[in-house]
């Protein structure tokens, strides 16, 4: 909070201004973005509501991870059969579609003129 101030006084002042704080119990926070995930372990999460808008303050240990999508063999076989393509092409399409079976099948069917 504010150094040198009584936490109760700060809380009362915030309440008067319409600001509410709530601690959120969390074991991990994941922020998904294009190509990578930001993972915060051992987080301290505080939800702040000010004038009807919620925001979150998060502190903890930060690491970045590749956002690689896991594609199962069953998914590859399904796309391969539905789009009438090799399993290799099906896997490539699934990777391009971030694991979305329907999108991969439609992309393969549209590119092959089916």
N, C-alpha and C. Protein backbone atom coordinates (compact mmCIF):
# COMPACT_ATOMS: atom_id res chain seq x y z
N UNK A 1 0.84 -1.18 0.00
CA UNK A 1 0.00 0.00 0.00
C UNK A 1 0.89 1.25 0.00
N UNK A 2 0.55 2.21 0.87
CA UNK A 2 1.29 3.46 0.93
C UNK A 2 2.20 3.42 2.16
N UNK A 3 3.52 3.58 1.96
CA UNK A 3 4.45 3.49 3.09
C UNK A 3 4.14 4.51 4.18
N UNK A 4 4.22 4.07 5.44
CA UNK A 4 4.04 4.96 6.57
C UNK A 4 2.59 5.26 6.93
N UNK A 5 1.64 4.68 6.20
CA UNK A 5 0.23 4.92 6.51
C UNK A 5 -0.38 3.69 7.14
N UNK A 6 -1.33 3.91 7.98
CA UNK A 6 -2.06 2.84 8.64
C UNK A 6 -2.89 2.11 7.58
N UNK A 7 -2.71 0.79 7.43
CA UNK A 7 -3.47 0.04 6.42
C UNK A 7 -4.98 0.18 6.56
N UNK A 8 -5.47 0.26 7.81
CA UNK A 8 -6.92 0.42 8.03
C UNK A 8 -7.39 1.78 7.51
N UNK A 9 -6.58 2.83 7.72
CA UNK A 9 -6.94 4.17 7.25
C UNK A 9 -6.95 4.21 5.73
N UNK A 10 -5.99 3.53 5.12
CA UNK A 10 -5.94 3.47 3.65
C UNK A 10 -7.18 2.74 3.13
N UNK A 11 -7.52 1.63 3.78
CA UNK A 11 -8.70 0.86 3.37
C UNK A 11 -9.97 1.70 3.48
N UNK A 12 -10.11 2.46 4.57
CA UNK A 12 -11.29 3.31 4.75
C UNK A 12 -11.33 4.42 3.69
N UNK A 13 -10.18 5.01 3.37
CA UNK A 13 -10.13 6.06 2.36
C UNK A 13 -10.52 5.51 0.99
N UNK A 14 -10.03 4.31 0.68
CA UNK A 14 -10.37 3.68 -0.59
C UNK A 14 -11.86 3.38 -0.66
N UNK A 15 -12.42 2.93 0.46
CA UNK A 15 -13.86 2.63 0.51
C UNK A 15 -14.68 3.89 0.26
N UNK A 16 -14.25 5.02 0.82
CA UNK A 16 -14.94 6.29 0.61
C UNK A 16 -14.90 6.72 -0.85
N UNK A 17 -13.81 6.36 -1.56
CA UNK A 17 -13.68 6.71 -2.98
C UNK A 17 -14.34 5.68 -3.88
N UNK A 18 -14.95 4.66 -3.29
CA UNK A 18 -15.64 3.65 -4.09
C UNK A 18 -14.71 2.59 -4.66
N UNK A 19 -13.56 2.42 -4.05
CA UNK A 19 -12.59 1.43 -4.51
C UNK A 19 -12.64 0.24 -3.58
N UNK A 20 -12.87 -0.94 -4.16
CA UNK A 20 -12.92 -2.17 -3.37
C UNK A 20 -11.78 -3.09 -3.79
N UNK A 21 -11.14 -3.71 -2.82
CA UNK A 21 -10.07 -4.67 -3.07
C UNK A 21 -10.44 -6.02 -2.52
N UNK A 22 -10.05 -7.05 -3.25
CA UNK A 22 -10.33 -8.42 -2.81
C UNK A 22 -9.15 -9.30 -3.18
N UNK A 23 -8.61 -10.03 -2.21
CA UNK A 23 -7.53 -10.98 -2.49
C UNK A 23 -8.14 -12.22 -3.16
N UNK A 24 -7.48 -12.71 -4.19
CA UNK A 24 -7.92 -13.89 -4.92
C UNK A 24 -6.91 -15.00 -4.67
N UNK A 25 -7.38 -16.15 -4.20
CA UNK A 25 -6.49 -17.29 -4.00
C UNK A 25 -6.20 -17.92 -5.35
N UNK A 26 -4.92 -18.01 -5.71
CA UNK A 26 -4.53 -18.60 -7.00
C UNK A 26 -3.22 -19.33 -6.83
N UNK A 27 -3.05 -20.42 -7.57
CA UNK A 27 -1.80 -21.16 -7.53
C UNK A 27 -0.94 -20.87 -8.76
N UNK A 28 -1.59 -20.37 -9.84
CA UNK A 28 -0.86 -20.06 -11.07
C UNK A 28 -1.73 -19.15 -11.92
N UNK A 29 -1.10 -18.20 -12.60
CA UNK A 29 -1.81 -17.30 -13.52
C UNK A 29 -1.16 -17.46 -14.88
N UNK A 30 -1.98 -17.69 -15.92
CA UNK A 30 -1.46 -17.87 -17.28
C UNK A 30 -2.07 -16.81 -18.17
N UNK A 31 -1.21 -16.06 -18.84
CA UNK A 31 -1.64 -15.07 -19.82
C UNK A 31 -1.26 -15.62 -21.18
N UNK A 32 -2.27 -15.92 -21.99
CA UNK A 32 -2.03 -16.50 -23.31
C UNK A 32 -1.94 -15.39 -24.34
N UNK A 33 -0.89 -15.43 -25.14
CA UNK A 33 -0.73 -14.46 -26.21
C UNK A 33 -0.24 -15.18 -27.46
N UNK A 34 -0.13 -14.47 -28.54
CA UNK A 34 0.28 -15.05 -29.80
C UNK A 34 1.70 -15.62 -29.68
N UNK A 35 1.82 -16.92 -29.80
CA UNK A 35 3.13 -17.57 -29.83
C UNK A 35 3.76 -17.89 -28.49
N UNK A 36 3.24 -17.32 -27.39
CA UNK A 36 3.84 -17.62 -26.09
C UNK A 36 2.80 -17.46 -24.98
N UNK A 37 3.07 -18.11 -23.88
CA UNK A 37 2.25 -17.96 -22.68
C UNK A 37 3.14 -17.35 -21.60
N UNK A 38 2.59 -16.41 -20.85
CA UNK A 38 3.30 -15.86 -19.69
C UNK A 38 2.70 -16.54 -18.48
N UNK A 39 3.53 -17.26 -17.73
CA UNK A 39 3.07 -18.03 -16.58
C UNK A 39 3.62 -17.40 -15.31
N UNK A 40 2.74 -17.11 -14.37
CA UNK A 40 3.14 -16.52 -13.10
C UNK A 40 2.83 -17.53 -12.01
N UNK A 41 3.90 -18.05 -11.40
CA UNK A 41 3.74 -19.03 -10.32
C UNK A 41 3.87 -18.33 -8.97
N UNK A 42 3.32 -18.97 -7.95
CA UNK A 42 3.27 -18.38 -6.59
C UNK A 42 2.73 -16.96 -6.64
N UNK A 43 1.59 -16.76 -7.29
CA UNK A 43 1.09 -15.39 -7.46
C UNK A 43 0.37 -14.86 -6.23
N UNK A 44 0.41 -13.55 -6.11
CA UNK A 44 -0.46 -12.82 -5.18
C UNK A 44 -1.36 -12.00 -6.10
N UNK A 45 -2.64 -12.29 -6.07
CA UNK A 45 -3.59 -11.64 -6.98
C UNK A 45 -4.57 -10.81 -6.17
N UNK A 46 -4.72 -9.56 -6.57
CA UNK A 46 -5.66 -8.65 -5.92
C UNK A 46 -6.60 -8.12 -6.99
N UNK A 47 -7.91 -8.30 -6.76
CA UNK A 47 -8.92 -7.76 -7.66
C UNK A 47 -9.33 -6.39 -7.12
N UNK A 48 -9.27 -5.38 -7.98
CA UNK A 48 -9.60 -4.02 -7.59
C UNK A 48 -10.81 -3.57 -8.41
N UNK A 49 -11.86 -3.12 -7.73
CA UNK A 49 -13.05 -2.60 -8.41
C UNK A 49 -13.11 -1.11 -8.15
N UNK A 50 -13.00 -0.33 -9.25
CA UNK A 50 -13.05 1.11 -9.13
C UNK A 50 -14.10 1.63 -10.11
N UNK A 51 -15.13 2.23 -9.61
CA UNK A 51 -16.21 2.79 -10.42
C UNK A 51 -16.80 1.74 -11.37
N UNK A 52 -16.99 0.53 -10.85
CA UNK A 52 -17.62 -0.53 -11.63
C UNK A 52 -16.70 -1.27 -12.58
N UNK A 53 -15.43 -0.89 -12.65
CA UNK A 53 -14.47 -1.57 -13.52
C UNK A 53 -13.53 -2.43 -12.69
N UNK A 54 -13.40 -3.70 -13.08
CA UNK A 54 -12.50 -4.61 -12.38
C UNK A 54 -11.13 -4.59 -13.03
N UNK A 55 -10.09 -4.58 -12.21
CA UNK A 55 -8.73 -4.77 -12.70
C UNK A 55 -8.03 -5.70 -11.71
N UNK A 56 -6.95 -6.30 -12.16
CA UNK A 56 -6.23 -7.27 -11.34
C UNK A 56 -4.78 -6.86 -11.23
N UNK A 57 -4.25 -6.95 -10.02
CA UNK A 57 -2.83 -6.73 -9.78
C UNK A 57 -2.23 -8.08 -9.45
N UNK A 58 -1.20 -8.46 -10.21
CA UNK A 58 -0.59 -9.78 -10.05
C UNK A 58 0.90 -9.63 -9.84
N UNK A 59 1.40 -10.26 -8.78
CA UNK A 59 2.84 -10.33 -8.57
C UNK A 59 3.20 -11.79 -8.35
N UNK A 60 4.43 -12.15 -8.68
CA UNK A 60 4.89 -13.53 -8.50
C UNK A 60 6.09 -13.82 -9.37
N UNK A 61 6.41 -15.10 -9.52
CA UNK A 61 7.54 -15.54 -10.34
C UNK A 61 7.07 -15.69 -11.78
N UNK A 62 7.70 -14.93 -12.69
CA UNK A 62 7.26 -14.89 -14.09
C UNK A 62 8.19 -15.71 -14.97
N UNK A 63 7.58 -16.50 -15.87
CA UNK A 63 8.35 -17.21 -16.88
C UNK A 63 7.54 -17.24 -18.17
N UNK A 64 8.23 -17.35 -19.29
CA UNK A 64 7.56 -17.44 -20.58
C UNK A 64 7.68 -18.85 -21.11
N UNK A 65 6.61 -19.34 -21.71
CA UNK A 65 6.60 -20.67 -22.29
C UNK A 65 6.10 -20.57 -23.73
N UNK A 66 6.59 -21.45 -24.56
CA UNK A 66 6.10 -21.52 -25.93
C UNK A 66 4.65 -21.97 -25.88
N UNK A 67 3.83 -21.39 -26.73
CA UNK A 67 2.40 -21.72 -26.75
C UNK A 67 2.12 -22.84 -27.74
N UNK A 68 3.00 -23.81 -27.79
CA UNK A 68 2.82 -24.93 -28.72
C UNK A 68 1.58 -25.73 -28.34
N UNK A 69 0.80 -26.04 -29.34
CA UNK A 69 -0.43 -26.80 -29.13
C UNK A 69 -0.12 -28.28 -29.27
N UNK A 70 -0.62 -29.07 -28.34
CA UNK A 70 -0.44 -30.52 -28.43
C UNK A 70 -1.51 -31.08 -29.36
N UNK A 71 -1.04 -31.83 -30.34
CA UNK A 71 -1.96 -32.41 -31.33
C UNK A 71 -1.89 -33.92 -31.21
N UNK A 72 -3.03 -34.54 -30.94
CA UNK A 72 -3.06 -36.00 -30.75
C UNK A 72 -3.10 -36.71 -32.09
N UNK A 73 -2.69 -37.96 -32.07
CA UNK A 73 -2.73 -38.79 -33.28
C UNK A 73 -4.16 -38.98 -33.75
N UNK A 74 -5.09 -39.08 -32.81
CA UNK A 74 -6.51 -39.21 -33.18
C UNK A 74 -6.99 -38.00 -33.97
N UNK A 75 -6.56 -36.80 -33.55
CA UNK A 75 -6.93 -35.58 -34.27
C UNK A 75 -6.36 -35.60 -35.68
N UNK A 76 -5.09 -36.02 -35.79
CA UNK A 76 -4.44 -36.08 -37.10
C UNK A 76 -5.20 -37.05 -38.02
N UNK A 77 -5.55 -38.22 -37.48
CA UNK A 77 -6.28 -39.21 -38.28
C UNK A 77 -7.65 -38.70 -38.70
N UNK A 78 -8.34 -38.03 -37.79
CA UNK A 78 -9.66 -37.49 -38.11
C UNK A 78 -9.57 -36.47 -39.25
N UNK A 79 -8.64 -35.54 -39.14
CA UNK A 79 -8.49 -34.52 -40.17
C UNK A 79 -8.07 -35.17 -41.49
N UNK A 80 -7.15 -36.12 -41.42
CA UNK A 80 -6.68 -36.82 -42.62
C UNK A 80 -7.84 -37.51 -43.34
N UNK A 81 -8.67 -38.20 -42.59
CA UNK A 81 -9.81 -38.92 -43.18
C UNK A 81 -10.86 -37.95 -43.73
N UNK A 82 -11.19 -36.93 -42.96
CA UNK A 82 -12.25 -35.99 -43.35
C UNK A 82 -11.85 -35.15 -44.57
N UNK A 83 -10.57 -34.80 -44.67
CA UNK A 83 -10.11 -33.94 -45.77
C UNK A 83 -9.48 -34.74 -46.90
N UNK A 84 -9.38 -36.06 -46.73
CA UNK A 84 -8.78 -36.93 -47.74
C UNK A 84 -7.36 -36.49 -48.11
N UNK A 85 -6.55 -36.30 -47.06
CA UNK A 85 -5.15 -35.93 -47.28
C UNK A 85 -4.26 -36.85 -46.43
N UNK A 86 -2.95 -36.77 -46.66
CA UNK A 86 -2.01 -37.57 -45.87
C UNK A 86 -2.01 -37.09 -44.43
N UNK A 87 -1.54 -37.95 -43.54
CA UNK A 87 -1.46 -37.56 -42.12
C UNK A 87 -0.47 -36.43 -41.92
N UNK A 88 0.56 -36.39 -42.75
CA UNK A 88 1.55 -35.31 -42.66
C UNK A 88 0.90 -33.95 -42.97
N UNK A 89 0.11 -33.91 -44.05
CA UNK A 89 -0.60 -32.66 -44.39
C UNK A 89 -1.63 -32.31 -43.33
N UNK A 90 -2.29 -33.32 -42.79
CA UNK A 90 -3.28 -33.08 -41.74
C UNK A 90 -2.63 -32.48 -40.51
N UNK A 91 -1.45 -32.98 -40.13
CA UNK A 91 -0.75 -32.46 -38.95
C UNK A 91 -0.32 -31.01 -39.19
N UNK A 92 0.19 -30.72 -40.39
CA UNK A 92 0.59 -29.35 -40.72
C UNK A 92 -0.60 -28.39 -40.63
N UNK A 93 -1.74 -28.83 -41.15
CA UNK A 93 -2.95 -28.00 -41.10
C UNK A 93 -3.41 -27.78 -39.67
N UNK A 94 -3.34 -28.81 -38.84
CA UNK A 94 -3.72 -28.68 -37.43
C UNK A 94 -2.80 -27.71 -36.70
N UNK A 95 -1.51 -27.78 -36.98
CA UNK A 95 -0.57 -26.85 -36.35
C UNK A 95 -0.86 -25.42 -36.77
N UNK A 96 -1.16 -25.22 -38.06
CA UNK A 96 -1.48 -23.88 -38.56
C UNK A 96 -2.79 -23.36 -37.96
N UNK A 97 -3.70 -24.27 -37.63
CA UNK A 97 -5.01 -23.89 -37.08
C UNK A 97 -5.02 -23.95 -35.55
N UNK A 98 -3.84 -24.03 -34.93
CA UNK A 98 -3.72 -24.10 -33.47
C UNK A 98 -4.56 -25.21 -32.86
N UNK A 99 -4.60 -26.38 -33.56
CA UNK A 99 -5.30 -27.54 -33.02
C UNK A 99 -6.80 -27.58 -33.29
N UNK A 100 -7.33 -26.59 -34.02
CA UNK A 100 -8.77 -26.52 -34.31
C UNK A 100 -9.07 -27.47 -35.47
N UNK A 101 -9.72 -28.61 -35.16
CA UNK A 101 -10.01 -29.63 -36.17
C UNK A 101 -10.84 -29.09 -37.31
N UNK A 102 -11.93 -28.41 -37.00
CA UNK A 102 -12.83 -27.91 -38.04
C UNK A 102 -12.12 -26.93 -38.96
N UNK A 103 -11.33 -26.04 -38.40
CA UNK A 103 -10.61 -25.06 -39.22
C UNK A 103 -9.59 -25.75 -40.12
N UNK A 104 -8.90 -26.76 -39.58
CA UNK A 104 -7.91 -27.50 -40.38
C UNK A 104 -8.58 -28.23 -41.54
N UNK A 105 -9.71 -28.88 -41.26
CA UNK A 105 -10.44 -29.62 -42.31
C UNK A 105 -10.92 -28.65 -43.39
N UNK A 106 -11.52 -27.53 -42.97
CA UNK A 106 -12.02 -26.55 -43.94
C UNK A 106 -10.89 -25.97 -44.78
N UNK A 107 -9.77 -25.68 -44.16
CA UNK A 107 -8.63 -25.13 -44.89
C UNK A 107 -8.12 -26.12 -45.92
N UNK A 108 -8.04 -27.40 -45.55
CA UNK A 108 -7.56 -28.42 -46.48
C UNK A 108 -8.56 -28.64 -47.61
N UNK A 109 -9.83 -28.67 -47.28
CA UNK A 109 -10.85 -28.86 -48.32
C UNK A 109 -10.89 -27.68 -49.28
N UNK A 110 -10.76 -26.47 -48.76
CA UNK A 110 -10.77 -25.27 -49.62
C UNK A 110 -9.55 -25.21 -50.51
N UNK A 111 -8.38 -25.64 -49.99
CA UNK A 111 -7.16 -25.56 -50.79
C UNK A 111 -7.09 -26.66 -51.85
N UNK A 112 -7.82 -27.77 -51.64
CA UNK A 112 -7.78 -28.85 -52.62
C UNK A 112 -8.96 -28.80 -53.58
N UNK A 113 -9.85 -27.83 -53.38
CA UNK A 113 -10.98 -27.65 -54.29
C UNK A 113 -12.11 -28.64 -54.08
N UNK A 114 -12.15 -29.29 -52.90
CA UNK A 114 -13.24 -30.24 -52.60
C UNK A 114 -14.51 -29.53 -52.21
